[in-house]
Amino acid sequence: MGIRIAGTGSYVPEKILTNFDLEKMVETSDEWIRTRTGMKERHIAAPDQACSDLASQAALNALDMAGLTADELDFLIVATITNDKVFPSTACIVQRKIGASNAGCLDIEAACSGLLYGMELASGLIRGHKKGKYRNILVIGSEKLSNLVDWEDRNTCVLFGDGASALILQATDDDDDLIVASEVKADGNYGDILQIPAGGSACPTTHETLDKKMHYMQMAGQDVFKQAVPAMVGSCKNVLAQAGVSPDEVAWLVPHQANFRIMKAVASRVGIPEERVYINIEKYGNTSAATVGLCLDEMVRGNQVKPGDYLLLTAFGGGLTWASVLLKWC
């Protein structure tokens, strides 16, 4: 039994927030943002759009490409840090919205690495059970980060946008296997450098936590950079070594779209030239768990991948978490 991606999908809200818009909100400039992050604009969800709404539209687009109906899905995984509610899971809400009546549902929280974590879990479900039990698994990365950003904090509000992406991993009856090698890792010792301090059981919501803005994202940017680059580089090299594939054989490096400088540093240290690094950060900013899938959907719909291409996906996020997946397109 092999695994392939039967369909990809994505969705971003209609509203666009440009760097020039941000100049009117905080002390920053288009030039400062572009030269330090590579971002020009990002999409912002409407007040009545929830994470599940973004996820559902991306899911429907992936189902349409795959030629599947929602009731043919066996499992549904949503990677997000912006869940609709504490419970039920956003996956269960998406199940209801798209009509995936036969699917088991699960949310995972691995921040920006979430989609790759979801792919790892989905491939394990397909391979780890008797043939036919899990044939079609929908993996979604969806975020409404605009709810978690302090729009008066220029260090974070310029970075993030809203969006969703979806992949359908499908069991095949031949030996062609999409996922050649993979690695998922974490280090909770550095969790404090990228977090939302309040709102959980360790620090419940109070008037004081609200007044201190402890429910917004907090990030030590330089510390994140110092951890992100070596983690992603090491992970990429590990999966290439597992597969016996050299950097020269990789058609595309598809990194998490967090920061142009991080992506360039990772590509250089892995040994992949910039022209083979897929980047769309200028249009979307950092959409956390959605970024890698947004890239893949653009690549597939733009006919930028062909059978036999090696695609190296890598991501890094709060937790700290990181992951890399080497695909051989089939």
Protein backbone atom coordinates (compact mmCIF):
# COMPACT_ATOMS: atom_id res chain seq x y z
CA MET A 1 0.00 0.00 0.00
CA GLY A 2 1.23 3.46 -0.88
CA ILE A 3 0.08 6.99 -0.07
CA ARG A 4 -0.58 9.91 -2.38
CA ILE A 5 -2.03 13.40 -2.07
CA ALA A 6 -5.38 13.13 -3.83
CA GLY A 7 -6.25 16.80 -3.49
CA THR A 8 -5.05 20.12 -2.11
CA GLY A 9 -7.06 23.18 -1.15
CA SER A 10 -6.66 26.57 0.45
CA TYR A 11 -8.64 29.62 1.44
CA VAL A 12 -7.77 33.14 2.58
CA PRO A 13 -10.26 35.83 3.65
CA GLU A 14 -11.13 38.67 1.29
CA LYS A 15 -9.84 41.55 3.41
CA ILE A 16 -6.21 42.48 2.72
CA LEU A 17 -4.11 44.42 5.22
CA THR A 18 -1.05 45.98 3.56
CA ASN A 19 2.14 47.32 5.07
CA PHE A 20 0.91 50.80 4.22
CA ASP A 21 -2.23 50.12 6.27
CA LEU A 22 -0.03 49.11 9.19
CA GLU A 23 1.92 52.34 8.92
CA LYS A 24 -1.27 54.09 10.01
CA MET A 25 -1.76 51.78 12.99
CA VAL A 26 1.69 51.44 14.61
CA GLU A 27 5.12 52.99 14.32
CA THR A 28 6.51 51.04 11.37
CA SER A 29 7.03 51.36 7.62
CA ASP A 30 6.56 49.33 4.47
CA GLU A 31 10.32 49.39 3.88
CA TRP A 32 11.10 48.16 7.41
CA ILE A 33 8.63 45.26 7.18
CA ARG A 34 9.65 44.18 3.67
CA THR A 35 13.39 44.21 4.26
CA ARG A 36 13.18 42.32 7.55
CA THR A 37 10.39 39.81 6.84
CA GLY A 38 9.63 39.75 3.11
CA MET A 39 5.97 40.54 3.80
CA LYS A 40 3.91 43.05 1.82
CA GLU A 41 0.35 42.13 2.82
CA ARG A 42 -1.71 39.64 4.76
CA HIS A 43 -5.38 38.53 4.78
CA ILE A 44 -7.62 39.24 7.77
CA ALA A 45 -10.79 37.29 8.55
CA ALA A 46 -14.10 39.05 9.03
CA PRO A 47 -15.43 39.28 12.60
CA ASP A 48 -18.04 36.61 11.87
CA GLN A 49 -15.52 34.19 10.30
CA ALA A 50 -14.20 31.51 12.64
CA CYS A 51 -11.22 29.22 12.22
CA SER A 52 -13.63 26.44 11.21
CA ASP A 53 -15.07 28.58 8.40
CA LEU A 54 -11.63 29.06 6.87
CA ALA A 55 -10.85 25.36 7.35
CA SER A 56 -14.14 24.23 5.81
CA GLN A 57 -13.63 26.20 2.62
CA ALA A 58 -10.08 24.88 2.19
CA ALA A 59 -11.41 21.37 2.81
CA LEU A 60 -14.14 21.71 0.18
CA ASN A 61 -11.59 22.92 -2.35
CA ALA A 62 -9.38 19.89 -1.63
CA LEU A 63 -12.34 17.51 -1.92
CA ASP A 64 -13.27 19.05 -5.25
CA MET A 65 -9.76 18.49 -6.63
CA ALA A 66 -9.76 14.90 -5.34
CA GLY A 67 -13.18 14.12 -6.79
CA LEU A 68 -14.38 12.93 -3.39
CA THR A 69 -17.45 13.65 -1.32
CA ALA A 70 -17.06 14.53 2.35
CA ASP A 71 -18.73 11.30 3.49
CA GLU A 72 -15.88 9.35 1.87
CA LEU A 73 -13.42 10.74 4.41
CA ASP A 74 -12.32 8.30 7.11
CA PHE A 75 -10.53 10.77 9.36
CA LEU A 76 -10.27 14.53 9.75
CA ILE A 77 -7.33 16.27 11.47
CA VAL A 78 -7.25 20.02 12.10
CA ALA A 79 -3.96 21.64 13.12
CA THR A 80 -4.59 25.00 14.77
CA ILE A 81 -3.81 27.25 17.73
CA THR A 82 -6.94 29.33 17.11
CA ASN A 83 -9.66 26.78 17.85
CA ASP A 84 -13.27 27.93 17.59
CA LYS A 85 -13.90 26.84 21.18
CA VAL A 86 -12.16 25.10 24.06
CA PHE A 87 -14.37 22.16 23.08
CA PRO A 88 -15.76 20.61 20.99
CA SER A 89 -12.78 20.31 18.69
CA THR A 90 -12.59 22.47 15.59
CA ALA A 91 -12.33 19.22 13.61
CA CYS A 92 -15.78 18.19 14.85
CA ILE A 93 -17.16 21.60 13.86
CA VAL A 94 -15.61 21.28 10.40
CA GLN A 95 -17.04 17.77 10.11
CA ARG A 96 -20.53 19.17 10.62
CA LYS A 97 -20.01 22.06 8.22
CA ILE A 98 -18.75 19.95 5.31
CA GLY A 99 -20.83 16.82 5.98
CA ALA A 100 -17.98 14.39 6.73
CA SER A 101 -20.34 12.09 8.62
CA ASN A 102 -18.08 9.01 8.58
CA ALA A 103 -14.85 10.65 9.74
CA GLY A 104 -13.13 10.44 13.07
CA CYS A 105 -12.12 13.92 14.21
CA LEU A 106 -9.09 15.28 16.03
CA ASP A 107 -7.45 18.64 16.70
CA ILE A 108 -3.69 18.88 17.14
CA GLU A 109 -1.73 21.83 18.50
CA ALA A 110 1.83 22.11 17.20
CA ALA A 111 1.67 25.78 16.15
CA CYS A 112 3.40 26.43 12.83
CA SER A 113 4.52 22.79 12.52
CA GLY A 114 0.94 21.56 12.81
CA LEU A 115 0.26 20.59 9.19
CA LEU A 116 3.42 18.47 9.02
CA TYR A 117 2.57 16.86 12.36
CA GLY A 118 -0.85 16.11 10.89
CA MET A 119 0.68 14.49 7.82
CA GLU A 120 2.82 12.30 10.08
CA LEU A 121 -0.24 11.17 12.05
CA ALA A 122 -2.29 10.59 8.91
CA SER A 123 0.38 8.50 7.22
CA GLY A 124 0.71 6.45 10.41
CA LEU A 125 -3.04 5.78 10.47
CA ILE A 126 -3.02 4.68 6.85
CA ARG A 127 0.02 2.43 7.19
CA GLY A 128 -0.67 1.15 10.68
CA HIS A 129 -4.06 -0.48 10.16
CA LYS A 130 -5.34 -3.27 8.01
CA LYS A 131 -5.78 -2.39 4.38
CA GLY A 132 -8.79 -0.23 3.75
CA LYS A 133 -9.57 0.95 7.29
CA TYR A 134 -8.29 4.48 6.65
CA ARG A 135 -8.16 5.29 2.94
CA ASN A 136 -8.91 9.02 2.83
CA ILE A 137 -7.65 11.35 5.55
CA LEU A 138 -8.13 15.11 5.43
CA VAL A 139 -5.40 17.18 7.09
CA ILE A 140 -6.10 20.89 7.57
CA GLY A 141 -3.97 23.74 8.87
CA SER A 142 -6.20 26.68 9.74
CA GLU A 143 -5.59 29.86 11.71
CA LYS A 144 -7.41 33.07 12.62
CA LEU A 145 -4.34 34.69 14.13
CA SER A 146 -5.78 38.19 13.92
CA ASN A 147 -7.68 37.37 17.12
CA LEU A 148 -4.43 36.63 18.98
CA VAL A 149 -2.42 39.66 17.85
CA ASP A 150 -2.06 42.85 19.87
CA TRP A 151 -2.59 45.42 17.14
CA GLU A 152 -0.64 47.97 19.20
CA ASP A 153 2.48 45.78 19.33
CA ARG A 154 4.53 46.53 16.22
CA ASN A 155 6.88 43.60 16.90
CA THR A 156 4.15 41.03 16.27
CA CYS A 157 1.16 42.61 14.54
CA VAL A 158 3.03 43.06 11.24
CA LEU A 159 3.87 39.35 11.00
CA PHE A 160 0.66 37.37 11.04
CA GLY A 161 -2.31 36.72 8.79
CA ASP A 162 -5.34 34.45 8.56
CA GLY A 163 -5.83 31.49 6.23
CA ALA A 164 -6.30 27.76 5.83
CA SER A 165 -4.92 24.93 3.74
CA ALA A 166 -5.92 21.30 3.31
CA LEU A 167 -4.46 18.05 2.00
CA ILE A 168 -6.16 14.72 1.40
CA LEU A 169 -3.82 11.79 2.00
CA GLN A 170 -5.15 8.73 0.22
CA ALA A 171 -4.15 5.08 0.40
CA THR A 172 -3.22 3.54 -2.96
CA ASP A 173 -3.15 -0.07 -4.06
CA ASP A 174 0.36 0.19 -5.52
CA ASP A 175 3.77 0.76 -3.96
CA ASP A 176 4.13 4.43 -4.95
CA ASP A 177 4.66 6.24 -1.68
CA LEU A 178 4.39 9.99 -1.44
CA ILE A 179 6.15 10.29 1.93
CA VAL A 180 9.74 9.13 1.55
CA ALA A 181 11.04 10.26 4.95
CA SER A 182 9.86 12.39 7.84
CA GLU A 183 10.82 13.72 11.25
CA VAL A 184 8.81 15.50 13.95
CA LYS A 185 10.53 16.96 17.00
CA ALA A 186 9.91 19.28 19.95
CA ASP A 187 11.71 20.97 22.83
CA GLY A 188 9.45 22.26 25.58
CA ASN A 189 12.38 23.90 27.37
CA TYR A 190 12.01 26.90 25.05
CA GLY A 191 8.23 27.19 25.17
CA ASP A 192 8.30 30.62 26.81
CA ILE A 193 9.93 32.40 23.85
CA LEU A 194 6.78 32.08 21.73
CA GLN A 195 3.52 31.81 23.64
CA ILE A 196 0.21 33.20 24.83
CA PRO A 197 0.68 33.30 28.62
CA ALA A 198 -2.92 33.32 29.85
CA GLY A 199 -6.21 31.60 29.16
CA GLY A 200 -5.35 28.03 30.11
CA SER A 201 -5.57 26.12 33.38
CA ALA A 202 -2.12 27.34 34.50
CA CYS A 203 -3.17 30.99 34.21
CA PRO A 204 -6.95 31.33 33.94
CA THR A 205 -8.59 34.45 32.57
CA THR A 206 -8.99 37.26 35.09
CA HIS A 207 -9.41 41.01 34.93
CA GLU A 208 -5.69 41.29 35.63
CA THR A 209 -4.66 39.01 32.73
CA LEU A 210 -6.91 40.99 30.40
CA ASP A 211 -5.51 44.32 31.58
CA LYS A 212 -1.94 43.06 31.10
CA LYS A 213 -2.75 41.81 27.57
CA MET A 214 -1.66 38.30 28.50
CA HIS A 215 -4.07 36.74 26.00
CA TYR A 216 -2.10 38.03 23.02
CA MET A 217 0.86 36.43 21.31
CA GLN A 218 4.26 37.15 22.85
CA MET A 219 7.45 36.42 20.97
CA ALA A 220 11.16 36.90 21.63
CA GLY A 221 12.04 37.32 17.96
CA GLN A 222 15.83 36.95 18.14
CA ASP A 223 15.56 33.90 20.38
CA VAL A 224 13.09 32.30 17.98
CA PHE A 225 15.42 32.94 15.03
CA LYS A 226 18.37 31.38 16.89
CA GLN A 227 16.37 28.21 17.58
CA ALA A 228 14.45 27.99 14.29
CA VAL A 229 17.30 27.95 11.81
CA PRO A 230 19.44 25.14 13.28
CA ALA A 231 16.35 23.06 14.11
CA MET A 232 14.98 23.23 10.57
CA VAL A 233 18.40 22.73 8.98
CA GLY A 234 19.12 19.67 11.12
CA SER A 235 15.69 18.22 10.46
CA CYS A 236 15.99 18.73 6.69
CA LYS A 237 19.40 17.07 6.63
CA ASN A 238 18.10 14.16 8.70
CA VAL A 239 15.21 13.33 6.37
CA LEU A 240 17.44 13.66 3.29
CA ALA A 241 19.90 11.25 4.91
CA GLN A 242 17.08 8.83 5.79
CA ALA A 243 16.04 8.75 2.15
CA GLY A 244 19.52 8.79 0.64
CA VAL A 245 18.60 11.90 -1.35
CA SER A 246 21.03 14.77 -1.91
CA PRO A 247 20.05 18.47 -1.81
CA ASP A 248 20.80 18.63 -5.55
CA GLU A 249 17.96 16.18 -6.18
CA VAL A 250 15.35 18.31 -4.37
CA ALA A 251 13.10 20.12 -6.86
CA TRP A 252 11.60 22.43 -4.22
CA LEU A 253 12.25 23.37 -0.63
CA VAL A 254 8.88 24.40 0.82
CA PRO A 255 9.56 26.07 4.18
CA HIS A 256 7.22 27.53 6.75
CA GLN A 257 6.62 31.14 5.71
CA ALA A 258 7.67 32.88 8.92
CA ASN A 259 10.40 35.22 7.78
CA PHE A 260 12.33 35.65 4.53
CA ARG A 261 15.64 35.74 6.40
CA ILE A 262 14.93 32.43 8.14
CA MET A 263 14.00 30.77 4.86
CA LYS A 264 17.16 32.03 3.13
CA ALA A 265 19.35 30.88 6.01
CA VAL A 266 17.79 27.39 6.04
CA ALA A 267 18.12 26.98 2.28
CA SER A 268 21.75 28.09 2.30
CA ARG A 269 22.76 25.74 5.09
CA VAL A 270 20.91 22.76 3.60
CA GLY A 271 22.48 23.45 0.21
CA ILE A 272 19.45 24.37 -1.88
CA PRO A 273 19.66 27.51 -4.08
CA GLU A 274 17.11 30.28 -3.61
CA GLU A 275 15.50 29.68 -7.01
CA ARG A 276 14.33 26.27 -5.74
CA VAL A 277 12.80 27.68 -2.53
CA TYR A 278 9.06 28.26 -2.77
CA ILE A 279 8.09 31.58 -1.18
CA ASN A 280 4.71 33.32 -1.03
CA ILE A 281 5.17 35.19 2.26
CA GLU A 282 4.75 38.53 0.52
CA LYS A 283 1.04 37.78 -0.06
CA TYR A 284 -0.02 36.07 3.16
CA GLY A 285 2.45 36.77 5.96
CA ASN A 286 2.79 34.06 8.59
CA THR A 287 -0.39 31.97 8.75
CA SER A 288 1.13 29.45 11.17
CA ALA A 289 -0.15 25.91 10.48
CA ALA A 290 -1.58 26.96 7.11
CA THR A 291 1.60 28.24 5.43
CA VAL A 292 3.14 25.07 3.99
CA GLY A 293 -0.22 23.90 2.65
CA LEU A 294 -0.88 27.30 1.07
CA CYS A 295 2.39 26.89 -0.79
CA LEU A 296 1.60 23.33 -1.89
CA ASP A 297 -1.85 24.27 -3.17
CA GLU A 298 -0.40 27.12 -5.22
CA MET A 299 2.29 24.83 -6.61
CA VAL A 300 -0.14 22.07 -7.57
CA ARG A 301 -2.68 24.40 -9.16
CA GLY A 302 0.11 26.28 -10.93
CA ASN A 303 1.55 23.05 -12.41
CA GLN A 304 4.88 23.67 -10.68
CA VAL A 305 5.34 20.06 -9.54
CA LYS A 306 5.59 16.96 -11.67
CA PRO A 307 5.71 13.21 -10.98
CA GLY A 308 9.03 12.18 -9.51
CA ASP A 309 9.86 15.58 -8.03
CA TYR A 310 11.27 15.60 -4.53
CA LEU A 311 9.65 18.25 -2.33
CA LEU A 312 11.23 19.00 1.04
CA LEU A 313 8.75 20.51 3.50
CA THR A 314 9.94 22.00 6.78
CA ALA A 315 8.40 24.05 9.58
CA PHE A 316 9.13 25.44 13.03
CA GLY A 317 6.76 26.85 15.65
CA GLY A 318 5.83 27.45 19.24
CA GLY A 319 6.30 24.61 21.67
CA LEU A 320 8.95 24.60 20.46
CA THR A 321 8.07 22.21 17.63
CA TRP A 322 9.63 21.48 14.27
CA ALA A 323 9.20 18.95 11.49
CA SER A 324 10.38 18.01 8.02
CA VAL A 325 8.79 15.77 5.41
CA LEU A 326 10.35 14.62 2.14
CA LEU A 327 7.78 13.91 -0.57
CA LYS A 328 8.27 12.18 -3.92
CA TRP A 329 5.41 13.51 -6.00
CA CYS A 330 3.24 10.82 -7.54
